[in-house]
Amino acid sequence: MAPDPDRRTALRAGLAALGAAVASAGVAACSGRTPETDKSSASGSPSPSPSSSAAASSTPEAASTPSSNRSAASPPADEVDHAVSGRQQVALTFHGDGDPKLAEALLKEAEADGARLTVLAVGRWLGEHPEMARRVLDGGHELGNHTENHVDIARLSPAGAFAEIQACAERLRKLTGSPGVWFRPSQTQHADPMLVAQAHRAGYRTVLSYGIDPLDYQDPPAAAIADRLLAAVRPGAVVSLHLGHRGTVAALPTVLAGLKTRGLAAVTASELFS
């Protein structure tokens, strides 16, 4: 016996509802992937004026790195120059070379203010002043790789570039027990694909570039360094600075005070990208 009209109507309604639920679940399953963000990979030296990059960023994937704030399905970026966490933080990163007395003065100034820095050390410098490796870490700062000899690494062969990165990594490992999380190429702001590949080969998943460069290595007045930096700084910024320059040491108190006025904390690169 055929079902009565009311029962047929109820069955059709139930089937329609079931079909809609299945379709909705299919859409939800396809929409959870996070697209990979764009970034600059051009190679070249810093521009003649202070720069502020708008490239996208991510967190490196390594055993010693903090957990990523991106989808677990998204691979880490090959290079980062600013963070997009939304936190009121910046990373002051220093190319590690020069007079260790100036480095000591700068580290003490940062520590007195509660700032945590990232030092990308030249391996040759650590060879001449091995005590600086532990000094940086014992002050609550972070230590990374800025090549062994600070040559124009982008002009080297792949084998030559790898040798520069690996030699510094081995020196860091001997002095501290770790090669560090970060690699920054020497004499170029950005890593080209060859340098990215050699950094990966040496164990560095992500190259740490920068988006703000106050050109302190040109030894302008301290006030100019601070003014350039503070005019460009934004939450998530990675700033390039240098140890071994008196103007940079003199500018640091003004820089740190200016960051506080803007509600920004100076943290290590690993903290910034965590």
C-alpha atoms as a PDB file:
ATOM      1  CA  MET A   1       0.000   0.000   0.000  1.00  0.00           C
ATOM      2  CA  ALA A   2       1.417   3.450  -0.968  1.00  0.00           C
ATOM      3  CA  PRO A   3       2.122   5.889   1.870  1.00  0.00           C
ATOM      4  CA  ASP A   4      -0.489   8.563   2.427  1.00  0.00           C
ATOM      5  CA  PRO A   5       0.150  12.109   1.045  1.00  0.00           C
ATOM      6  CA  ASP A   6       1.187  13.551   4.419  1.00  0.00           C
ATOM      7  CA  ARG A   7       3.821  10.852   4.929  1.00  0.00           C
ATOM      8  CA  ARG A   8       5.209  11.347   1.374  1.00  0.00           C
ATOM      9  CA  THR A   9       5.560  15.075   2.082  1.00  0.00           C
ATOM     10  CA  ALA A  10       7.446  14.418   5.330  1.00  0.00           C
ATOM     11  CA  LEU A  11       9.814  11.975   3.622  1.00  0.00           C
ATOM     12  CA  ARG A  12      10.621  14.468   0.852  1.00  0.00           C
ATOM     13  CA  ALA A  13      11.333  17.194   3.428  1.00  0.00           C
ATOM     14  CA  GLY A  14      13.648  14.922   5.409  1.00  0.00           C
ATOM     15  CA  LEU A  15      15.642  13.933   2.327  1.00  0.00           C
ATOM     16  CA  ALA A  16      16.008  17.561   1.292  1.00  0.00           C
ATOM     17  CA  ALA A  17      17.309  18.529   4.723  1.00  0.00           C
ATOM     18  CA  LEU A  18      19.813  15.652   4.693  1.00  0.00           C
ATOM     19  CA  GLY A  19      21.119  16.696   1.266  1.00  0.00           C
ATOM     20  CA  ALA A  20      21.603  20.280   2.415  1.00  0.00           C
ATOM     21  CA  ALA A  21      23.562  19.154   5.476  1.00  0.00           C
ATOM     22  CA  VAL A  22      25.902  17.003   3.362  1.00  0.00           C
ATOM     23  CA  ALA A  23      26.515  19.857   0.917  1.00  0.00           C
ATOM     24  CA  SER A  24      27.245  22.265   3.765  1.00  0.00           C
ATOM     25  CA  ALA A  25      29.788  19.870   5.301  1.00  0.00           C
ATOM     26  CA  GLY A  26      31.561  19.558   1.947  1.00  0.00           C
ATOM     27  CA  VAL A  27      31.935  23.352   1.624  1.00  0.00           C
ATOM     28  CA  ALA A  28      33.295  23.635   5.184  1.00  0.00           C
ATOM     29  CA  ALA A  29      35.889  20.913   4.564  1.00  0.00           C
ATOM     30  CA  CYS A  30      37.215  22.728   1.464  1.00  0.00           C
ATOM     31  CA  SER A  31      37.427  26.190   3.015  1.00  0.00           C
ATOM     32  CA  GLY A  32      39.853  25.579   5.890  1.00  0.00           C
ATOM     33  CA  ARG A  33      43.154  25.930   3.953  1.00  0.00           C
ATOM     34  CA  THR A  34      45.201  29.061   4.565  1.00  0.00           C
ATOM     35  CA  PRO A  35      46.714  30.497   1.351  1.00  0.00           C
ATOM     36  CA  GLU A  36      50.451  31.093   1.282  1.00  0.00           C
ATOM     37  CA  THR A  37      51.250  34.795   1.593  1.00  0.00           C
ATOM     38  CA  ASP A  38      53.438  36.649  -0.896  1.00  0.00           C
ATOM     39  CA  LYS A  39      56.892  37.926  -0.014  1.00  0.00           C
ATOM     40  CA  SER A  40      59.760  39.681  -1.723  1.00  0.00           C
ATOM     41  CA  SER A  41      62.709  37.528  -2.741  1.00  0.00           C
ATOM     42  CA  ALA A  42      64.721  40.130  -4.640  1.00  0.00           C
ATOM     43  CA  SER A  43      68.435  40.299  -3.930  1.00  0.00           C
ATOM     44  CA  GLY A  44      70.209  43.568  -3.369  1.00  0.00           C
ATOM     45  CA  SER A  45      71.734  45.989  -0.900  1.00  0.00           C
ATOM     46  CA  PRO A  46      69.684  48.286   1.338  1.00  0.00           C
ATOM     47  CA  SER A  47      68.376  51.403  -0.363  1.00  0.00           C
ATOM     48  CA  PRO A  48      70.221  54.708   0.254  1.00  0.00           C
ATOM     49  CA  SER A  49      67.380  55.893   2.457  1.00  0.00           C
ATOM     50  CA  PRO A  50      65.800  54.177   5.467  1.00  0.00           C
ATOM     51  CA  SER A  51      63.482  51.443   4.246  1.00  0.00           C
ATOM     52  CA  SER A  52      60.241  49.959   5.528  1.00  0.00           C
ATOM     53  CA  SER A  53      59.178  46.766   3.722  1.00  0.00           C
ATOM     54  CA  ALA A  54      55.622  45.492   3.331  1.00  0.00           C
ATOM     55  CA  ALA A  55      56.534  41.876   2.616  1.00  0.00           C
ATOM     56  CA  ALA A  56      54.513  39.161   4.349  1.00  0.00           C
ATOM     57  CA  SER A  57      55.950  36.966   7.046  1.00  0.00           C
ATOM     58  CA  SER A  58      55.725  33.687   8.878  1.00  0.00           C
ATOM     59  CA  THR A  59      57.476  31.608  11.528  1.00  0.00           C
ATOM     60  CA  PRO A  60      60.407  29.270  10.811  1.00  0.00           C
ATOM     61  CA  GLU A  61      59.854  25.580  11.388  1.00  0.00           C
ATOM     62  CA  ALA A  62      62.635  24.165  13.563  1.00  0.00           C
ATOM     63  CA  ALA A  63      62.924  22.126  16.727  1.00  0.00           C
ATOM     64  CA  SER A  64      64.162  25.138  18.692  1.00  0.00           C
ATOM     65  CA  THR A  65      61.668  27.639  17.274  1.00  0.00           C
ATOM     66  CA  PRO A  66      58.473  28.754  18.973  1.00  0.00           C
ATOM     67  CA  SER A  67      55.201  27.357  17.642  1.00  0.00           C
ATOM     68  CA  SER A  68      53.774  29.037  14.550  1.00  0.00           C
ATOM     69  CA  ASN A  69      50.796  31.361  14.626  1.00  0.00           C
ATOM     70  CA  ARG A  70      49.814  30.149  11.147  1.00  0.00           C
ATOM     71  CA  SER A  71      47.878  27.117  10.017  1.00  0.00           C
ATOM     72  CA  ALA A  72      49.783  23.875  10.602  1.00  0.00           C
ATOM     73  CA  ALA A  73      49.128  23.000   6.944  1.00  0.00           C
ATOM     74  CA  SER A  74      51.011  26.107   5.705  1.00  0.00           C
ATOM     75  CA  PRO A  75      54.749  25.693   5.139  1.00  0.00           C
ATOM     76  CA  PRO A  76      57.042  28.263   6.786  1.00  0.00           C
ATOM     77  CA  ALA A  77      58.245  31.129   4.625  1.00  0.00           C
ATOM     78  CA  ASP A  78      61.721  31.022   3.111  1.00  0.00           C
ATOM     79  CA  GLU A  79      62.334  34.590   4.313  1.00  0.00           C
ATOM     80  CA  VAL A  80      60.635  36.970   6.752  1.00  0.00           C
ATOM     81  CA  ASP A  81      61.049  40.699   7.278  1.00  0.00           C
ATOM     82  CA  HIS A  82      58.138  41.557   9.567  1.00  0.00           C
ATOM     83  CA  ALA A  83      55.570  39.752  11.692  1.00  0.00           C
ATOM     84  CA  VAL A  84      51.785  39.892  11.394  1.00  0.00           C
ATOM     85  CA  SER A  85      50.819  38.631  14.843  1.00  0.00           C
ATOM     86  CA  GLY A  86      49.107  41.891  15.798  1.00  0.00           C
ATOM     87  CA  ARG A  87      51.081  42.115  19.048  1.00  0.00           C
ATOM     88  CA  GLN A  88      52.714  45.399  20.058  1.00  0.00           C
ATOM     89  CA  GLN A  89      56.235  44.095  19.558  1.00  0.00           C
ATOM     90  CA  VAL A  90      59.258  44.777  17.362  1.00  0.00           C
ATOM     91  CA  ALA A  91      62.608  43.017  16.883  1.00  0.00           C
ATOM     92  CA  LEU A  92      65.809  45.064  17.035  1.00  0.00           C
ATOM     93  CA  THR A  93      68.326  42.888  15.183  1.00  0.00           C
ATOM     94  CA  PHE A  94      72.055  43.621  15.199  1.00  0.00           C
ATOM     95  CA  HIS A  95      74.780  42.579  12.791  1.00  0.00           C
ATOM     96  CA  GLY A  96      77.423  41.248  15.202  1.00  0.00           C
ATOM     97  CA  ASP A  97      80.883  42.627  14.504  1.00  0.00           C
ATOM     98  CA  GLY A  98      83.246  45.369  15.684  1.00  0.00           C
ATOM     99  CA  ASP A  99      84.637  46.510  19.023  1.00  0.00           C
ATOM    100  CA  PRO A 100      83.355  44.193  21.776  1.00  0.00           C
ATOM    101  CA  LYS A 101      83.470  47.094  24.258  1.00  0.00           C
ATOM    102  CA  LEU A 102      80.842  48.906  22.192  1.00  0.00           C
ATOM    103  CA  ALA A 103      78.813  45.693  21.996  1.00  0.00           C
ATOM    104  CA  GLU A 104      78.995  45.354  25.775  1.00  0.00           C
ATOM    105  CA  ALA A 105      77.851  48.954  26.269  1.00  0.00           C
ATOM    106  CA  LEU A 106      74.892  48.438  23.945  1.00  0.00           C
ATOM    107  CA  LEU A 107      73.845  45.165  25.574  1.00  0.00           C
ATOM    108  CA  LYS A 108      73.960  46.756  29.028  1.00  0.00           C
ATOM    109  CA  GLU A 109      71.799  49.646  27.829  1.00  0.00           C
ATOM    110  CA  ALA A 110      69.231  47.237  26.393  1.00  0.00           C
ATOM    111  CA  GLU A 111      69.182  45.101  29.524  1.00  0.00           C
ATOM    112  CA  ALA A 112      68.719  48.119  31.794  1.00  0.00           C
ATOM    113  CA  ASP A 113      65.567  48.896  29.819  1.00  0.00           C
ATOM    114  CA  GLY A 114      64.297  45.296  29.688  1.00  0.00           C
ATOM    115  CA  ALA A 115      64.807  45.038  25.908  1.00  0.00           C
ATOM    116  CA  ARG A 116      65.743  41.694  24.328  1.00  0.00           C
ATOM    117  CA  LEU A 117      67.773  41.844  21.137  1.00  0.00           C
ATOM    118  CA  THR A 118      68.734  39.484  18.322  1.00  0.00           C
ATOM    119  CA  VAL A 119      72.411  39.457  17.344  1.00  0.00           C
ATOM    120  CA  LEU A 120      73.295  37.922  13.965  1.00  0.00           C
ATOM    121  CA  ALA A 121      76.988  37.322  14.577  1.00  0.00           C
ATOM    122  CA  VAL A 122      79.805  37.193  12.053  1.00  0.00           C
ATOM    123  CA  GLY A 123      81.704  33.966  12.708  1.00  0.00           C
ATOM    124  CA  ARG A 124      85.112  35.618  12.370  1.00  0.00           C
ATOM    125  CA  TRP A 125      84.097  38.104  15.095  1.00  0.00           C
ATOM    126  CA  LEU A 126      83.138  35.273  17.431  1.00  0.00           C
ATOM    127  CA  GLY A 127      86.458  33.610  16.676  1.00  0.00           C
ATOM    128  CA  GLU A 128      88.263  36.767  17.817  1.00  0.00           C
ATOM    129  CA  HIS A 129      85.952  37.364  20.786  1.00  0.00           C
ATOM    130  CA  PRO A 130      84.444  33.988  21.734  1.00  0.00           C
ATOM    131  CA  GLU A 131      83.228  35.310  25.098  1.00  0.00           C
ATOM    132  CA  MET A 132      80.657  37.448  23.278  1.00  0.00           C
ATOM    133  CA  ALA A 133      78.583  34.396  22.323  1.00  0.00           C
ATOM    134  CA  ARG A 134      77.732  33.521  25.932  1.00  0.00           C
ATOM    135  CA  ARG A 135      77.525  37.202  26.837  1.00  0.00           C
ATOM    136  CA  VAL A 136      74.706  37.735  24.343  1.00  0.00           C
ATOM    137  CA  LEU A 137      72.755  34.678  25.480  1.00  0.00           C
ATOM    138  CA  ASP A 138      73.318  35.256  29.194  1.00  0.00           C
ATOM    139  CA  GLY A 139      71.787  38.721  28.809  1.00  0.00           C
ATOM    140  CA  GLY A 140      68.511  37.197  27.624  1.00  0.00           C
ATOM    141  CA  HIS A 141      69.138  37.965  23.965  1.00  0.00           C
ATOM    142  CA  GLU A 142      69.207  35.732  20.889  1.00  0.00           C
ATOM    143  CA  LEU A 143      72.167  34.730  18.727  1.00  0.00           C
ATOM    144  CA  GLY A 144      72.090  33.848  15.036  1.00  0.00           C
ATOM    145  CA  ASN A 145      74.270  33.391  11.942  1.00  0.00           C
ATOM    146  CA  HIS A 146      75.543  36.271   9.755  1.00  0.00           C
ATOM    147  CA  THR A 147      78.096  34.209   7.780  1.00  0.00           C
ATOM    148  CA  GLU A 148      81.707  33.483   8.679  1.00  0.00           C
ATOM    149  CA  ASN A 149      83.522  36.362   6.938  1.00  0.00           C
ATOM    150  CA  HIS A 150      80.840  38.907   5.971  1.00  0.00           C
ATOM    151  CA  VAL A 151      81.645  38.695   2.266  1.00  0.00           C
ATOM    152  CA  ASP A 152      79.232  39.589  -0.542  1.00  0.00           C
ATOM    153  CA  ILE A 153      77.585  36.194  -0.237  1.00  0.00           C
ATOM    154  CA  ALA A 154      75.179  36.630  -3.157  1.00  0.00           C
ATOM    155  CA  ARG A 155      78.171  36.706  -5.531  1.00  0.00           C
ATOM    156  CA  LEU A 156      79.555  33.379  -4.337  1.00  0.00           C
ATOM    157  CA  SER A 157      78.965  29.984  -5.902  1.00  0.00           C
ATOM    158  CA  PRO A 158      76.449  27.741  -4.117  1.00  0.00           C
ATOM    159  CA  ALA A 159      79.338  25.785  -2.591  1.00  0.00           C
ATOM    160  CA  GLY A 160      81.036  28.983  -1.449  1.00  0.00           C
ATOM    161  CA  ALA A 161      77.832  30.357   0.065  1.00  0.00           C
ATOM    162  CA  PHE A 162      77.178  27.108   1.905  1.00  0.00           C
ATOM    163  CA  ALA A 163      80.731  27.123   3.286  1.00  0.00           C
ATOM    164  CA  GLU A 164      80.210  30.648   4.678  1.00  0.00           C
ATOM    165  CA  ILE A 165      76.933  29.709   6.363  1.00  0.00           C
ATOM    166  CA  GLN A 166      78.111  26.335   7.629  1.00  0.00           C
ATOM    167  CA  ALA A 167      81.377  27.658   9.085  1.00  0.00           C
ATOM    168  CA  CYS A 168      79.505  30.197  11.208  1.00  0.00           C
ATOM    169  CA  ALA A 169      76.922  27.579  12.201  1.00  0.00           C
ATOM    170  CA  GLU A 170      79.678  25.250  13.409  1.00  0.00           C
ATOM    171  CA  ARG A 171      81.317  28.056  15.362  1.00  0.00           C
ATOM    172  CA  LEU A 172      78.012  28.911  17.047  1.00  0.00           C
ATOM    173  CA  ARG A 173      77.429  25.250  17.854  1.00  0.00           C
ATOM    174  CA  LYS A 174      80.865  24.887  19.467  1.00  0.00           C
ATOM    175  CA  LEU A 175      80.476  28.054  21.532  1.00  0.00           C
ATOM    176  CA  THR A 176      76.839  27.691  22.612  1.00  0.00           C
ATOM    177  CA  GLY A 177      75.654  24.176  21.769  1.00  0.00           C
ATOM    178  CA  SER A 178      73.315  25.447  19.040  1.00  0.00           C
ATOM    179  CA  PRO A 179      73.693  27.031  15.583  1.00  0.00           C
ATOM    180  CA  GLY A 180      70.798  29.347  16.405  1.00  0.00           C
ATOM    181  CA  VAL A 181      67.440  29.620  14.697  1.00  0.00           C
ATOM    182  CA  TRP A 182      68.141  32.489  12.324  1.00  0.00           C
ATOM    183  CA  PHE A 183      70.422  33.116   9.336  1.00  0.00           C
ATOM    184  CA  ARG A 184      70.886  36.530   7.723  1.00  0.00           C
ATOM    185  CA  PRO A 185      72.974  36.836   4.546  1.00  0.00           C
ATOM    186  CA  SER A 186      75.868  39.302   4.480  1.00  0.00           C
ATOM    187  CA  GLN A 187      75.944  42.396   2.254  1.00  0.00           C
ATOM    188  CA  THR A 188      72.421  41.872   0.950  1.00  0.00           C
ATOM    189  CA  GLN A 189      69.003  42.585   2.411  1.00  0.00           C
ATOM    190  CA  HIS A 190      67.215  39.670   0.769  1.00  0.00           C
ATOM    191  CA  ALA A 191      68.180  36.092   0.000  1.00  0.00           C
ATOM    192  CA  ASP A 192      67.862  34.900  -3.591  1.00  0.00           C
ATOM    193  CA  PRO A 193      66.771  31.291  -4.276  1.00  0.00           C
ATOM    194  CA  MET A 194      70.380  30.070  -4.239  1.00  0.00           C
ATOM    195  CA  LEU A 195      70.982  31.527  -0.769  1.00  0.00           C
ATOM    196  CA  VAL A 196      67.683  30.178   0.522  1.00  0.00           C
ATOM    197  CA  ALA A 197      68.673  26.703  -0.689  1.00  0.00           C
ATOM    198  CA  GLN A 198      72.089  26.894   0.986  1.00  0.00           C
ATOM    199  CA  ALA A 199      70.541  28.171   4.231  1.00  0.00           C
ATOM    200  CA  HIS A 200      68.146  25.204   4.194  1.00  0.00           C
ATOM    201  CA  ARG A 201      71.062  22.863   3.550  1.00  0.00           C
ATOM    202  CA  ALA A 202      72.860  24.281   6.605  1.00  0.00           C
ATOM    203  CA  GLY A 203      69.771  23.749   8.739  1.00  0.00           C
ATOM    204  CA  TYR A 204      68.192  27.213   8.699  1.00  0.00           C
ATOM    205  CA  ARG A 205      64.567  26.948   7.631  1.00  0.00           C
ATOM    206  CA  THR A 206      63.896  30.677   7.370  1.00  0.00           C
ATOM    207  CA  VAL A 207      66.103  33.632   6.453  1.00  0.00           C
ATOM    208  CA  LEU A 208      65.673  36.653   8.732  1.00  0.00           C
ATOM    209  CA  SER A 209      65.607  39.794   6.613  1.00  0.00           C
ATOM    210  CA  TYR A 210      64.402  43.205   7.823  1.00  0.00           C
ATOM    211  CA  GLY A 211      61.972  45.935   6.832  1.00  0.00           C
ATOM    212  CA  ILE A 212      63.530  48.988   8.513  1.00  0.00           C
ATOM    213  CA  ASP A 213      67.108  50.147   7.987  1.00  0.00           C
ATOM    214  CA  PRO A 214      68.160  53.456   9.626  1.00  0.00           C
ATOM    215  CA  LEU A 215      71.606  53.123   7.994  1.00  0.00           C
ATOM    216  CA  ASP A 216      73.483  53.298  11.280  1.00  0.00           C
ATOM    217  CA  TYR A 217      76.518  51.622   9.683  1.00  0.00           C
ATOM    218  CA  GLN A 218      77.122  54.886   7.785  1.00  0.00           C
ATOM    219  CA  ASP A 219      77.761  56.552  11.171  1.00  0.00           C
ATOM    220  CA  PRO A 220      75.242  59.399  11.025  1.00  0.00           C
ATOM    221  CA  PRO A 221      74.515  61.360  14.235  1.00  0.00           C
ATOM    222  CA  ALA A 222      72.745  59.365  16.936  1.00  0.00           C
ATOM    223  CA  ALA A 223      69.689  61.606  16.651  1.00  0.00           C
ATOM    224  CA  ALA A 224      69.375  60.772  12.945  1.00  0.00           C
ATOM    225  CA  ILE A 225      69.474  57.038  13.659  1.00  0.00           C
ATOM    226  CA  ALA A 226      66.731  57.325  16.271  1.00  0.00           C
ATOM    227  CA  ASP A 227      64.588  59.658  14.156  1.00  0.00           C
ATOM    228  CA  ARG A 228      64.763  57.423  11.074  1.00  0.00           C
ATOM    229  CA  LEU A 229      63.940  54.300  13.042  1.00  0.00           C
ATOM    230  CA  LEU A 230      61.063  55.754  15.046  1.00  0.00           C
ATOM    231  CA  ALA A 231      59.513  57.416  11.993  1.00  0.00           C
ATOM    232  CA  ALA A 232      59.235  54.037  10.250  1.00  0.00           C
ATOM    233  CA  VAL A 233      58.577  51.589  13.090  1.00  0.00           C
ATOM    234  CA  ARG A 234      55.260  49.746  13.311  1.00  0.00           C
ATOM    235  CA  PRO A 235      54.058  46.699  15.279  1.00  0.00           C
ATOM    236  CA  GLY A 236      55.768  43.582  13.933  1.00  0.00           C
ATOM    237  CA  ALA A 237      58.762  45.447  12.492  1.00  0.00           C
ATOM    238  CA  VAL A 238      62.186  43.870  12.116  1.00  0.00           C
ATOM    239  CA  VAL A 239      64.885  46.567  12.341  1.00  0.00           C
ATOM    240  CA  SER A 240      68.448  46.236  11.051  1.00  0.00           C
ATOM    241  CA  LEU A 241      71.153  47.760  13.280  1.00  0.00           C
ATOM    242  CA  HIS A 242      74.856  47.161  13.875  1.00  0.00           C
ATOM    243  CA  LEU A 243      77.136  46.492  16.817  1.00  0.00           C
ATOM    244  CA  GLY A 244      80.476  48.293  16.836  1.00  0.00           C
ATOM    245  CA  HIS A 245      79.163  51.797  16.054  1.00  0.00           C
ATOM    246  CA  ARG A 246      79.216  54.543  18.690  1.00  0.00           C
ATOM    247  CA  GLY A 247      76.254  56.349  17.175  1.00  0.00           C
ATOM    248  CA  THR A 248      74.114  53.227  17.501  1.00  0.00           C
ATOM    249  CA  VAL A 249      75.006  52.872  21.181  1.00  0.00           C
ATOM    250  CA  ALA A 250      74.221  56.549  21.757  1.00  0.00           C
ATOM    251  CA  ALA A 251      70.910  56.285  19.874  1.00  0.00           C
ATOM    252  CA  LEU A 252      69.612  53.241  21.737  1.00  0.00           C
ATOM    253  CA  PRO A 253      68.182  55.026  24.823  1.00  0.00           C
ATOM    254  CA  THR A 254      66.170  57.371  22.588  1.00  0.00           C
ATOM    255  CA  VAL A 255      65.030  54.441  20.440  1.00  0.00           C
ATOM    256  CA  LEU A 256      63.867  52.408  23.436  1.00  0.00           C
ATOM    257  CA  ALA A 257      62.094  55.397  24.978  1.00  0.00           C
ATOM    258  CA  GLY A 258      60.378  56.090  21.660  1.00  0.00           C
ATOM    259  CA  LEU A 259      59.225  52.493  21.354  1.00  0.00           C
ATOM    260  CA  LYS A 260      57.714  52.645  24.836  1.00  0.00           C
ATOM    261  CA  THR A 261      55.907  55.880  23.979  1.00  0.00           C
ATOM    262  CA  ARG A 262      54.360  54.046  21.022  1.00  0.00           C
ATOM    263  CA  GLY A 263      53.396  51.091  23.215  1.00  0.00           C
ATOM    264  CA  LEU A 264      55.936  48.780  21.555  1.00  0.00           C
ATOM    265  CA  ALA A 265      58.168  46.214  23.280  1.00  0.00           C
ATOM    266  CA  ALA A 266      61.591  45.198  21.933  1.00  0.00           C
ATOM    267  CA  VAL A 267      61.721  41.377  21.861  1.00  0.00           C
ATOM    268  CA  THR A 268      63.843  38.719  20.168  1.00  0.00           C
ATOM    269  CA  ALA A 269      63.013  37.641  16.631  1.00  0.00           C
ATOM    270  CA  SER A 270      61.848  34.243  17.880  1.00  0.00           C
ATOM    271  CA  GLU A 271      59.466  35.948  20.303  1.00  0.00           C
ATOM    272  CA  LEU A 272      58.204  38.257  17.562  1.00  0.00           C
ATOM    273  CA  PHE A 273      57.416  35.356  15.230  1.00  0.00           C
ATOM    274  CA  SER A 274      56.024  32.997  17.881  1.00  0.00           C
END
